[in-house]
Amino acid sequence: QEYDRRCHEAPGSLPNIVVVITGKGPQKAMYEARIRCMELSHAAIATAWLAAEDYPKLLGAADLGICMHYSSSGLDLPMKVVDLFGCGVPVCAMRYPVIAELVKEGKNGLLFSTSQELCDHLTYLLDGFSIRAATKGSSLAQLRAGVALESNHRWSDEWEQTVWPLVLKMTRSL
């Protein structure tokens, strides 16, 4: 609703957006009811449960992903972000202790703690949006380039740089 308000305040500077909420969690019906009550003129919101083969197609068509996952333990990482990165899509993700292992702030995505901060990020990334701007030097294009760069990192590289030196150090001290 805040994004919609900002669109009204600055006509033409922010694009209309389509938000697709995926999943079929236990709170889906509650959120669908809340969405039906919203009066939005610059955002269309839909919910979808997709076949496995359609899910990456939807993600790949997105300009930006939003991850609302918050780890109750503070230790697990959301597969949604991994899926989005795998499709080359930058993310805005909810901030919690270990999320920075995946989302490198300003490089492949942005982190938020409040709905206001998420709206600020959307406004920043989408201000003056056009298909051309999204593929050139815009902030969104820079995040997309960061996702591509991060995708070059492999598990084996991380192991050799991070874990293997610790294993060697531990075995030498035995």
N, C-alpha and C. Protein backbone atom coordinates (compact mmCIF):
# COMPACT_ATOMS: atom_id res chain seq x y z
N GLN A 1 0.81 -1.18 0.00
CA GLN A 1 0.00 0.00 0.00
C GLN A 1 0.87 1.26 0.00
N GLU A 2 1.99 1.19 0.70
CA GLU A 2 2.90 2.34 0.72
C GLU A 2 3.47 2.58 -0.67
N TYR A 3 3.83 1.51 -1.39
CA TYR A 3 4.35 1.67 -2.75
C TYR A 3 3.29 2.34 -3.63
N ASP A 4 2.05 1.90 -3.51
CA ASP A 4 0.96 2.48 -4.28
C ASP A 4 0.82 3.98 -3.98
N ARG A 5 0.94 4.34 -2.70
CA ARG A 5 0.87 5.75 -2.31
C ARG A 5 2.00 6.54 -2.95
N ARG A 6 3.20 5.97 -2.96
CA ARG A 6 4.34 6.67 -3.57
C ARG A 6 4.15 6.84 -5.07
N CYS A 7 3.53 5.88 -5.71
CA CYS A 7 3.24 6.00 -7.15
C CYS A 7 2.29 7.18 -7.40
N HIS A 8 1.31 7.35 -6.54
CA HIS A 8 0.37 8.46 -6.67
C HIS A 8 1.06 9.80 -6.45
N GLU A 9 2.03 9.84 -5.55
CA GLU A 9 2.73 11.09 -5.23
C GLU A 9 3.67 11.55 -6.33
N ALA A 10 4.22 10.60 -7.08
CA ALA A 10 5.17 10.94 -8.14
C ALA A 10 4.77 10.22 -9.43
N PRO A 11 3.70 10.67 -10.07
CA PRO A 11 3.19 9.98 -11.26
C PRO A 11 4.27 9.82 -12.33
N GLY A 12 4.39 8.62 -12.85
CA GLY A 12 5.31 8.35 -13.94
C GLY A 12 6.71 7.97 -13.54
N SER A 13 7.11 8.19 -12.30
CA SER A 13 8.48 7.86 -11.94
C SER A 13 8.62 6.41 -11.48
N LEU A 14 7.55 5.84 -10.97
CA LEU A 14 7.58 4.44 -10.53
C LEU A 14 6.64 3.63 -11.41
N PRO A 15 7.04 2.41 -11.77
CA PRO A 15 6.19 1.59 -12.63
C PRO A 15 5.08 0.90 -11.83
N ASN A 16 4.04 0.52 -12.52
CA ASN A 16 3.07 -0.39 -11.93
C ASN A 16 3.79 -1.72 -11.77
N ILE A 17 3.45 -2.46 -10.74
CA ILE A 17 4.12 -3.73 -10.49
C ILE A 17 3.11 -4.88 -10.40
N VAL A 18 3.62 -6.05 -10.71
CA VAL A 18 2.86 -7.29 -10.54
C VAL A 18 3.62 -8.11 -9.51
N VAL A 19 2.93 -8.51 -8.47
CA VAL A 19 3.52 -9.31 -7.40
C VAL A 19 2.87 -10.68 -7.43
N VAL A 20 3.68 -11.73 -7.55
CA VAL A 20 3.16 -13.09 -7.51
C VAL A 20 3.72 -13.74 -6.25
N ILE A 21 2.82 -14.13 -5.37
CA ILE A 21 3.20 -14.79 -4.12
C ILE A 21 3.08 -16.28 -4.36
N THR A 22 4.19 -16.99 -4.22
CA THR A 22 4.19 -18.43 -4.46
C THR A 22 4.12 -19.20 -3.15
N GLY A 23 3.63 -20.39 -3.23
CA GLY A 23 3.57 -21.26 -2.07
C GLY A 23 2.14 -21.58 -1.68
N LYS A 24 2.03 -22.51 -0.75
CA LYS A 24 0.69 -22.91 -0.28
C LYS A 24 0.71 -23.15 1.23
N GLY A 25 1.40 -22.29 1.93
CA GLY A 25 1.52 -22.42 3.38
C GLY A 25 0.20 -22.27 4.10
N PRO A 26 0.21 -22.52 5.40
CA PRO A 26 -1.02 -22.51 6.20
C PRO A 26 -1.68 -21.13 6.31
N GLN A 27 -0.95 -20.07 6.03
CA GLN A 27 -1.53 -18.72 6.14
C GLN A 27 -1.96 -18.16 4.78
N LYS A 28 -1.92 -18.98 3.74
CA LYS A 28 -2.25 -18.50 2.40
C LYS A 28 -3.64 -17.86 2.34
N ALA A 29 -4.65 -18.53 2.88
CA ALA A 29 -6.03 -18.00 2.83
C ALA A 29 -6.14 -16.66 3.56
N MET A 30 -5.44 -16.53 4.69
CA MET A 30 -5.47 -15.28 5.44
C MET A 30 -4.90 -14.13 4.59
N TYR A 31 -3.77 -14.40 3.93
CA TYR A 31 -3.16 -13.36 3.11
C TYR A 31 -4.01 -13.05 1.88
N GLU A 32 -4.62 -14.05 1.29
CA GLU A 32 -5.49 -13.80 0.14
C GLU A 32 -6.66 -12.90 0.54
N ALA A 33 -7.22 -13.12 1.73
CA ALA A 33 -8.32 -12.28 2.22
C ALA A 33 -7.85 -10.84 2.43
N ARG A 34 -6.66 -10.67 2.98
CA ARG A 34 -6.12 -9.32 3.19
C ARG A 34 -5.87 -8.62 1.86
N ILE A 35 -5.37 -9.37 0.89
CA ILE A 35 -5.09 -8.80 -0.44
C ILE A 35 -6.38 -8.34 -1.10
N ARG A 36 -7.45 -9.13 -0.98
CA ARG A 36 -8.73 -8.77 -1.59
C ARG A 36 -9.28 -7.45 -1.03
N CYS A 37 -8.93 -7.12 0.20
CA CYS A 37 -9.41 -5.88 0.83
C CYS A 37 -8.59 -4.65 0.44
N MET A 38 -7.45 -4.85 -0.18
CA MET A 38 -6.60 -3.73 -0.54
C MET A 38 -7.13 -3.03 -1.79
N GLU A 39 -7.04 -1.73 -1.78
CA GLU A 39 -7.41 -0.94 -2.95
C GLU A 39 -6.13 -0.39 -3.55
N LEU A 40 -5.63 -1.08 -4.55
CA LEU A 40 -4.36 -0.71 -5.18
C LEU A 40 -4.60 -0.37 -6.64
N SER A 41 -3.96 0.70 -7.08
CA SER A 41 -4.09 1.05 -8.49
C SER A 41 -2.76 0.90 -9.24
N HIS A 42 -1.68 0.68 -8.51
CA HIS A 42 -0.37 0.55 -9.15
C HIS A 42 0.30 -0.80 -8.88
N ALA A 43 -0.43 -1.69 -8.26
CA ALA A 43 0.12 -3.03 -7.98
C ALA A 43 -0.99 -4.06 -8.14
N ALA A 44 -0.66 -5.13 -8.83
CA ALA A 44 -1.56 -6.27 -8.94
C ALA A 44 -0.90 -7.42 -8.17
N ILE A 45 -1.66 -8.07 -7.31
CA ILE A 45 -1.11 -9.14 -6.49
C ILE A 45 -1.88 -10.43 -6.77
N ALA A 46 -1.13 -11.48 -7.04
CA ALA A 46 -1.73 -12.79 -7.28
C ALA A 46 -0.99 -13.83 -6.45
N THR A 47 -1.68 -14.92 -6.15
CA THR A 47 -1.02 -16.04 -5.48
C THR A 47 -1.01 -17.21 -6.45
N ALA A 48 0.01 -18.05 -6.33
CA ALA A 48 0.13 -19.18 -7.26
C ALA A 48 0.86 -20.34 -6.61
N TRP A 49 0.40 -21.52 -6.92
CA TRP A 49 1.13 -22.75 -6.61
C TRP A 49 1.44 -23.35 -7.96
N LEU A 50 2.70 -23.45 -8.30
CA LEU A 50 3.11 -23.81 -9.65
C LEU A 50 3.66 -25.22 -9.73
N ALA A 51 3.52 -25.81 -10.90
CA ALA A 51 4.17 -27.09 -11.19
C ALA A 51 5.69 -26.85 -11.16
N ALA A 52 6.42 -27.88 -10.81
CA ALA A 52 7.88 -27.76 -10.66
C ALA A 52 8.54 -27.18 -11.92
N GLU A 53 8.06 -27.55 -13.09
CA GLU A 53 8.67 -27.06 -14.32
C GLU A 53 8.31 -25.60 -14.63
N ASP A 54 7.23 -25.08 -14.03
CA ASP A 54 6.82 -23.70 -14.27
C ASP A 54 7.45 -22.71 -13.29
N TYR A 55 7.84 -23.19 -12.13
CA TYR A 55 8.39 -22.32 -11.09
C TYR A 55 9.63 -21.55 -11.57
N PRO A 56 10.64 -22.21 -12.15
CA PRO A 56 11.81 -21.43 -12.61
C PRO A 56 11.47 -20.48 -13.76
N LYS A 57 10.46 -20.79 -14.54
CA LYS A 57 10.04 -19.89 -15.62
C LYS A 57 9.49 -18.59 -15.04
N LEU A 58 8.66 -18.72 -14.01
CA LEU A 58 8.12 -17.53 -13.35
C LEU A 58 9.25 -16.71 -12.73
N LEU A 59 10.13 -17.37 -12.00
CA LEU A 59 11.23 -16.65 -11.37
C LEU A 59 12.11 -15.96 -12.40
N GLY A 60 12.41 -16.65 -13.49
CA GLY A 60 13.26 -16.08 -14.53
C GLY A 60 12.63 -14.87 -15.22
N ALA A 61 11.31 -14.77 -15.19
CA ALA A 61 10.61 -13.63 -15.80
C ALA A 61 10.57 -12.42 -14.87
N ALA A 62 10.96 -12.61 -13.62
CA ALA A 62 10.90 -11.53 -12.64
C ALA A 62 12.09 -10.58 -12.79
N ASP A 63 11.86 -9.32 -12.45
CA ASP A 63 12.95 -8.34 -12.40
C ASP A 63 13.60 -8.32 -11.02
N LEU A 64 12.80 -8.68 -10.01
CA LEU A 64 13.27 -8.65 -8.63
C LEU A 64 12.46 -9.65 -7.81
N GLY A 65 13.13 -10.35 -6.91
CA GLY A 65 12.44 -11.25 -6.01
C GLY A 65 12.41 -10.66 -4.61
N ILE A 66 11.36 -11.00 -3.88
CA ILE A 66 11.26 -10.56 -2.49
C ILE A 66 11.12 -11.81 -1.64
N CYS A 67 11.95 -11.92 -0.63
CA CYS A 67 11.92 -13.07 0.26
C CYS A 67 11.52 -12.60 1.65
N MET A 68 10.38 -13.11 2.11
CA MET A 68 9.86 -12.74 3.43
C MET A 68 10.25 -13.77 4.49
N HIS A 69 11.06 -14.76 4.12
CA HIS A 69 11.45 -15.81 5.05
C HIS A 69 12.23 -15.23 6.22
N TYR A 70 11.86 -15.65 7.40
CA TYR A 70 12.62 -15.30 8.59
C TYR A 70 12.84 -16.58 9.37
N SER A 71 14.07 -16.93 9.58
CA SER A 71 14.41 -18.17 10.25
C SER A 71 14.11 -18.08 11.74
N SER A 72 13.29 -19.00 12.24
CA SER A 72 12.99 -18.99 13.68
C SER A 72 14.24 -19.35 14.49
N SER A 73 15.10 -20.20 13.92
CA SER A 73 16.34 -20.55 14.62
C SER A 73 17.43 -19.53 14.35
N GLY A 74 17.25 -18.75 13.28
CA GLY A 74 18.29 -17.80 12.90
C GLY A 74 19.44 -18.44 12.16
N LEU A 75 19.32 -19.75 11.84
CA LEU A 75 20.43 -20.48 11.26
C LEU A 75 20.20 -21.02 9.86
N ASP A 76 18.94 -21.15 9.44
CA ASP A 76 18.71 -21.73 8.12
C ASP A 76 18.59 -20.65 7.05
N LEU A 77 18.84 -21.05 5.82
CA LEU A 77 18.80 -20.12 4.70
C LEU A 77 17.64 -20.48 3.77
N PRO A 78 16.98 -19.48 3.23
CA PRO A 78 15.80 -19.74 2.40
C PRO A 78 16.15 -20.24 1.00
N MET A 79 15.53 -21.35 0.63
CA MET A 79 15.73 -21.88 -0.72
C MET A 79 15.17 -20.91 -1.77
N LYS A 80 14.18 -20.11 -1.40
CA LYS A 80 13.60 -19.13 -2.34
C LYS A 80 14.70 -18.24 -2.89
N VAL A 81 15.61 -17.79 -2.04
CA VAL A 81 16.70 -16.92 -2.50
C VAL A 81 17.63 -17.69 -3.43
N VAL A 82 17.95 -18.93 -3.08
CA VAL A 82 18.80 -19.76 -3.94
C VAL A 82 18.13 -19.95 -5.30
N ASP A 83 16.82 -20.21 -5.29
CA ASP A 83 16.07 -20.38 -6.54
C ASP A 83 16.12 -19.11 -7.39
N LEU A 84 15.90 -17.96 -6.76
CA LEU A 84 15.94 -16.69 -7.49
C LEU A 84 17.33 -16.43 -8.07
N PHE A 85 18.36 -16.62 -7.27
CA PHE A 85 19.72 -16.42 -7.77
C PHE A 85 20.01 -17.39 -8.92
N GLY A 86 19.52 -18.62 -8.80
CA GLY A 86 19.72 -19.60 -9.87
C GLY A 86 19.09 -19.17 -11.18
N CYS A 87 18.07 -18.34 -11.11
CA CYS A 87 17.41 -17.80 -12.31
C CYS A 87 17.95 -16.43 -12.68
N GLY A 88 19.00 -15.97 -11.98
CA GLY A 88 19.62 -14.69 -12.30
C GLY A 88 18.89 -13.48 -11.78
N VAL A 89 18.05 -13.66 -10.76
CA VAL A 89 17.20 -12.58 -10.26
C VAL A 89 17.72 -12.08 -8.91
N PRO A 90 17.98 -10.76 -8.78
CA PRO A 90 18.38 -10.21 -7.49
C PRO A 90 17.20 -10.21 -6.51
N VAL A 91 17.49 -10.08 -5.22
CA VAL A 91 16.44 -10.16 -4.21
C VAL A 91 16.50 -9.03 -3.18
N CYS A 92 15.34 -8.77 -2.63
CA CYS A 92 15.22 -8.01 -1.39
C CYS A 92 14.78 -9.06 -0.38
N ALA A 93 15.57 -9.27 0.66
CA ALA A 93 15.28 -10.32 1.63
C ALA A 93 15.20 -9.75 3.03
N MET A 94 14.35 -10.38 3.83
CA MET A 94 14.21 -9.99 5.23
C MET A 94 15.54 -10.26 5.95
N ARG A 95 15.95 -9.28 6.73
CA ARG A 95 17.22 -9.35 7.45
C ARG A 95 17.08 -10.26 8.68
N TYR A 96 18.03 -11.17 8.85
CA TYR A 96 18.18 -11.96 10.07
C TYR A 96 19.61 -12.45 10.12
N PRO A 97 20.06 -13.04 11.24
CA PRO A 97 21.49 -13.24 11.46
C PRO A 97 22.31 -13.87 10.33
N VAL A 98 21.86 -14.93 9.66
CA VAL A 98 22.74 -15.59 8.69
C VAL A 98 22.42 -15.29 7.23
N ILE A 99 21.42 -14.48 6.96
CA ILE A 99 21.02 -14.24 5.57
C ILE A 99 22.14 -13.60 4.75
N ALA A 100 23.04 -12.89 5.42
CA ALA A 100 24.15 -12.25 4.70
C ALA A 100 25.10 -13.27 4.07
N GLU A 101 24.98 -14.55 4.46
CA GLU A 101 25.77 -15.59 3.78
C GLU A 101 25.33 -15.74 2.33
N LEU A 102 24.07 -15.44 2.05
CA LEU A 102 23.54 -15.54 0.69
C LEU A 102 23.43 -14.18 0.02
N VAL A 103 22.79 -13.25 0.71
CA VAL A 103 22.52 -11.94 0.12
C VAL A 103 23.63 -10.98 0.53
N LYS A 104 24.42 -10.60 -0.44
CA LYS A 104 25.50 -9.64 -0.22
C LYS A 104 24.93 -8.25 -0.50
N GLU A 105 24.68 -7.52 0.58
CA GLU A 105 23.99 -6.24 0.49
C GLU A 105 24.65 -5.31 -0.53
N GLY A 106 23.84 -4.87 -1.51
CA GLY A 106 24.33 -3.96 -2.54
C GLY A 106 25.04 -4.66 -3.68
N LYS A 107 25.28 -5.95 -3.56
CA LYS A 107 25.96 -6.70 -4.63
C LYS A 107 24.99 -7.58 -5.41
N ASN A 108 24.22 -8.41 -4.71
CA ASN A 108 23.26 -9.27 -5.39
C ASN A 108 21.84 -9.09 -4.82
N GLY A 109 21.70 -8.15 -3.92
CA GLY A 109 20.40 -7.90 -3.33
C GLY A 109 20.47 -6.85 -2.24
N LEU A 110 19.34 -6.64 -1.60
CA LEU A 110 19.23 -5.70 -0.49
C LEU A 110 18.48 -6.38 0.65
N LEU A 111 18.78 -5.97 1.87
CA LEU A 111 18.12 -6.54 3.05
C LEU A 111 17.22 -5.51 3.70
N PHE A 112 16.14 -5.98 4.31
CA PHE A 112 15.22 -5.07 4.99
C PHE A 112 14.76 -5.69 6.30
N SER A 113 14.38 -4.82 7.22
CA SER A 113 13.86 -5.25 8.52
C SER A 113 12.41 -4.86 8.72
N THR A 114 11.94 -3.85 7.98
CA THR A 114 10.58 -3.36 8.15
C THR A 114 9.93 -3.22 6.77
N SER A 115 8.61 -3.09 6.77
CA SER A 115 7.90 -2.88 5.51
C SER A 115 8.29 -1.54 4.90
N GLN A 116 8.56 -0.55 5.73
CA GLN A 116 9.00 0.77 5.25
C GLN A 116 10.34 0.65 4.52
N GLU A 117 11.25 -0.11 5.11
CA GLU A 117 12.56 -0.30 4.48
C GLU A 117 12.43 -1.06 3.16
N LEU A 118 11.56 -2.06 3.10
CA LEU A 118 11.31 -2.77 1.84
C LEU A 118 10.78 -1.80 0.80
N CYS A 119 9.83 -0.98 1.16
CA CYS A 119 9.27 0.00 0.23
C CYS A 119 10.34 0.99 -0.23
N ASP A 120 11.21 1.40 0.67
CA ASP A 120 12.32 2.29 0.29
C ASP A 120 13.20 1.61 -0.76
N HIS A 121 13.48 0.32 -0.56
CA HIS A 121 14.30 -0.43 -1.53
C HIS A 121 13.60 -0.52 -2.88
N LEU A 122 12.30 -0.83 -2.86
CA LEU A 122 11.55 -0.92 -4.11
C LEU A 122 11.57 0.42 -4.84
N THR A 123 11.36 1.49 -4.11
CA THR A 123 11.37 2.83 -4.70
C THR A 123 12.75 3.14 -5.30
N TYR A 124 13.80 2.82 -4.57
CA TYR A 124 15.17 3.03 -5.03
C TYR A 124 15.46 2.23 -6.30
N LEU A 125 15.08 0.96 -6.29
CA LEU A 125 15.39 0.08 -7.42
C LEU A 125 14.52 0.33 -8.65
N LEU A 126 13.29 0.77 -8.43
CA LEU A 126 12.35 0.89 -9.54
C LEU A 126 12.12 2.32 -10.02
N ASP A 127 12.68 3.31 -9.34
CA ASP A 127 12.51 4.70 -9.75
C ASP A 127 13.02 4.88 -11.18
N GLY A 128 12.17 5.40 -12.05
CA GLY A 128 12.56 5.61 -13.44
C GLY A 128 12.68 4.32 -14.22
N PHE A 129 12.09 3.24 -13.71
CA PHE A 129 12.22 1.92 -14.33
C PHE A 129 11.70 1.91 -15.76
N SER A 130 12.44 1.25 -16.59
CA SER A 130 12.00 0.88 -17.94
C SER A 130 12.74 -0.39 -18.29
N ILE A 131 12.27 -1.09 -19.27
CA ILE A 131 12.96 -2.32 -19.69
C ILE A 131 14.40 -2.00 -20.05
N ARG A 132 14.61 -0.89 -20.74
CA ARG A 132 15.97 -0.49 -21.13
C ARG A 132 16.84 -0.22 -19.90
N ALA A 133 16.28 0.53 -18.93
CA ALA A 133 17.04 0.86 -17.72
C ALA A 133 17.37 -0.39 -16.93
N ALA A 134 16.48 -1.36 -16.95
CA ALA A 134 16.71 -2.59 -16.19
C ALA A 134 17.84 -3.42 -16.78
N THR A 135 18.21 -3.15 -18.02
CA THR A 135 19.28 -3.92 -18.65
C THR A 135 20.56 -3.11 -18.80
N LYS A 136 20.58 -1.88 -18.36
CA LYS A 136 21.77 -1.03 -18.50
C LYS A 136 22.40 -0.74 -17.13
N GLY A 137 22.62 0.53 -16.82
CA GLY A 137 23.37 0.89 -15.64
C GLY A 137 22.56 1.17 -14.39
N SER A 138 21.31 0.80 -14.35
CA SER A 138 20.48 1.09 -13.18
C SER A 138 20.94 0.28 -11.96
N SER A 139 20.43 0.67 -10.81
CA SER A 139 20.75 -0.07 -9.57
C SER A 139 20.28 -1.51 -9.67
N LEU A 140 19.12 -1.71 -10.27
CA LEU A 140 18.60 -3.06 -10.45
C LEU A 140 19.49 -3.87 -11.38
N ALA A 141 19.96 -3.25 -12.45
CA ALA A 141 20.87 -3.93 -13.38
C ALA A 141 22.19 -4.28 -12.70
N GLN A 142 22.66 -3.40 -11.82
CA GLN A 142 23.91 -3.68 -11.10
C GLN A 142 23.74 -4.88 -10.17
N LEU A 143 22.58 -4.97 -9.51
CA LEU A 143 22.32 -6.13 -8.65
C LEU A 143 22.24 -7.40 -9.49
N ARG A 144 21.60 -7.30 -10.64
CA ARG A 144 21.50 -8.47 -11.53
C ARG A 144 22.90 -8.92 -11.97
N ALA A 145 23.77 -7.97 -12.27
CA ALA A 145 25.15 -8.31 -12.64
C ALA A 145 25.87 -8.96 -11.45
N GLY A 146 25.57 -8.49 -10.24
CA GLY A 146 26.15 -9.09 -9.04
C GLY A 146 25.70 -10.52 -8.83
N VAL A 147 24.44 -10.81 -9.16
CA VAL A 147 23.94 -12.18 -9.07
C VAL A 147 24.72 -13.06 -10.04
N ALA A 148 24.93 -12.58 -11.26
CA ALA A 148 25.68 -13.34 -12.26
C ALA A 148 27.11 -13.60 -11.78
N LEU A 149 27.74 -12.59 -11.21
CA LEU A 149 29.10 -12.73 -10.70
C LEU A 149 29.17 -13.74 -9.56
N GLU A 150 28.23 -13.64 -8.62
CA GLU A 150 28.20 -14.57 -7.48
C GLU A 150 27.96 -16.00 -7.94
N SER A 151 27.25 -16.18 -9.05
CA SER A 151 26.96 -17.54 -9.51
C SER A 151 28.20 -18.26 -10.00
N ASN A 152 29.28 -17.52 -10.20
CA ASN A 152 30.54 -18.15 -10.59
C ASN A 152 31.22 -18.85 -9.42
N HIS A 153 30.80 -18.53 -8.20
CA HIS A 153 31.39 -19.15 -7.02
C HIS A 153 30.85 -20.57 -6.89
N ARG A 154 31.71 -21.51 -6.66
CA ARG A 154 31.33 -22.91 -6.54
C ARG A 154 31.60 -23.41 -5.13
N TRP A 155 30.87 -24.43 -4.74
CA TRP A 155 31.01 -25.02 -3.43
C TRP A 155 32.46 -25.43 -3.18
N SER A 156 33.07 -26.06 -4.16
CA SER A 156 34.44 -26.54 -3.99
C SER A 156 35.41 -25.37 -3.75
N ASP A 157 35.18 -24.25 -4.41
CA ASP A 157 36.03 -23.08 -4.19
C ASP A 157 35.90 -22.57 -2.76
N GLU A 158 34.65 -22.48 -2.28
CA GLU A 158 34.42 -22.04 -0.91
C GLU A 158 35.06 -22.99 0.09
N TRP A 159 34.94 -24.28 -0.17
CA TRP A 159 35.54 -25.29 0.71
C TRP A 159 37.05 -25.08 0.80
N GLU A 160 37.69 -24.97 -0.36
CA GLU A 160 39.14 -24.84 -0.38
C GLU A 160 39.62 -23.54 0.28
N GLN A 161 38.87 -22.47 0.15
CA GLN A 161 39.27 -21.18 0.70
C GLN A 161 38.92 -21.03 2.18
N THR A 162 37.83 -21.66 2.60
CA THR A 162 37.32 -21.40 3.94
C THR A 162 37.50 -22.57 4.90
N VAL A 163 37.04 -23.74 4.49
CA VAL A 163 37.01 -24.88 5.40
C VAL A 163 38.32 -25.65 5.42
N TRP A 164 38.88 -25.91 4.27
CA TRP A 164 40.10 -26.72 4.20
C TRP A 164 41.24 -26.15 5.05
N PRO A 165 41.50 -24.85 5.02
CA PRO A 165 42.55 -24.31 5.90
C PRO A 165 42.26 -24.57 7.39
N LEU A 166 41.00 -24.56 7.79
CA LEU A 166 40.66 -24.87 9.19
C LEU A 166 40.92 -26.33 9.51
N VAL A 167 40.58 -27.20 8.57
CA VAL A 167 40.83 -28.64 8.77
C VAL A 167 42.33 -28.88 8.90
N LEU A 168 43.13 -28.29 8.05
CA LEU A 168 44.58 -28.44 8.12
C LEU A 168 45.12 -27.94 9.45
N LYS A 169 44.65 -26.79 9.87
CA LYS A 169 45.10 -26.21 11.14
C LYS A 169 44.75 -27.14 12.31
N MET A 170 43.55 -27.68 12.28
CA MET A 170 43.13 -28.59 13.37
C MET A 170 43.94 -29.87 13.37
N THR A 171 44.24 -30.43 12.20
CA THR A 171 44.98 -31.69 12.16
C THR A 171 46.43 -31.49 12.56
N ARG A 172 46.97 -30.33 12.31
CA ARG A 172 48.36 -30.05 12.72
C ARG A 172 48.49 -29.94 14.23
N SER A 173 47.41 -29.51 14.86
CA SER A 173 47.47 -29.35 16.32
C SER A 173 47.21 -30.64 17.07
N LEU A 174 46.89 -31.71 16.37
CA LEU A 174 46.64 -33.01 17.03
C LEU A 174 47.92 -33.72 17.42
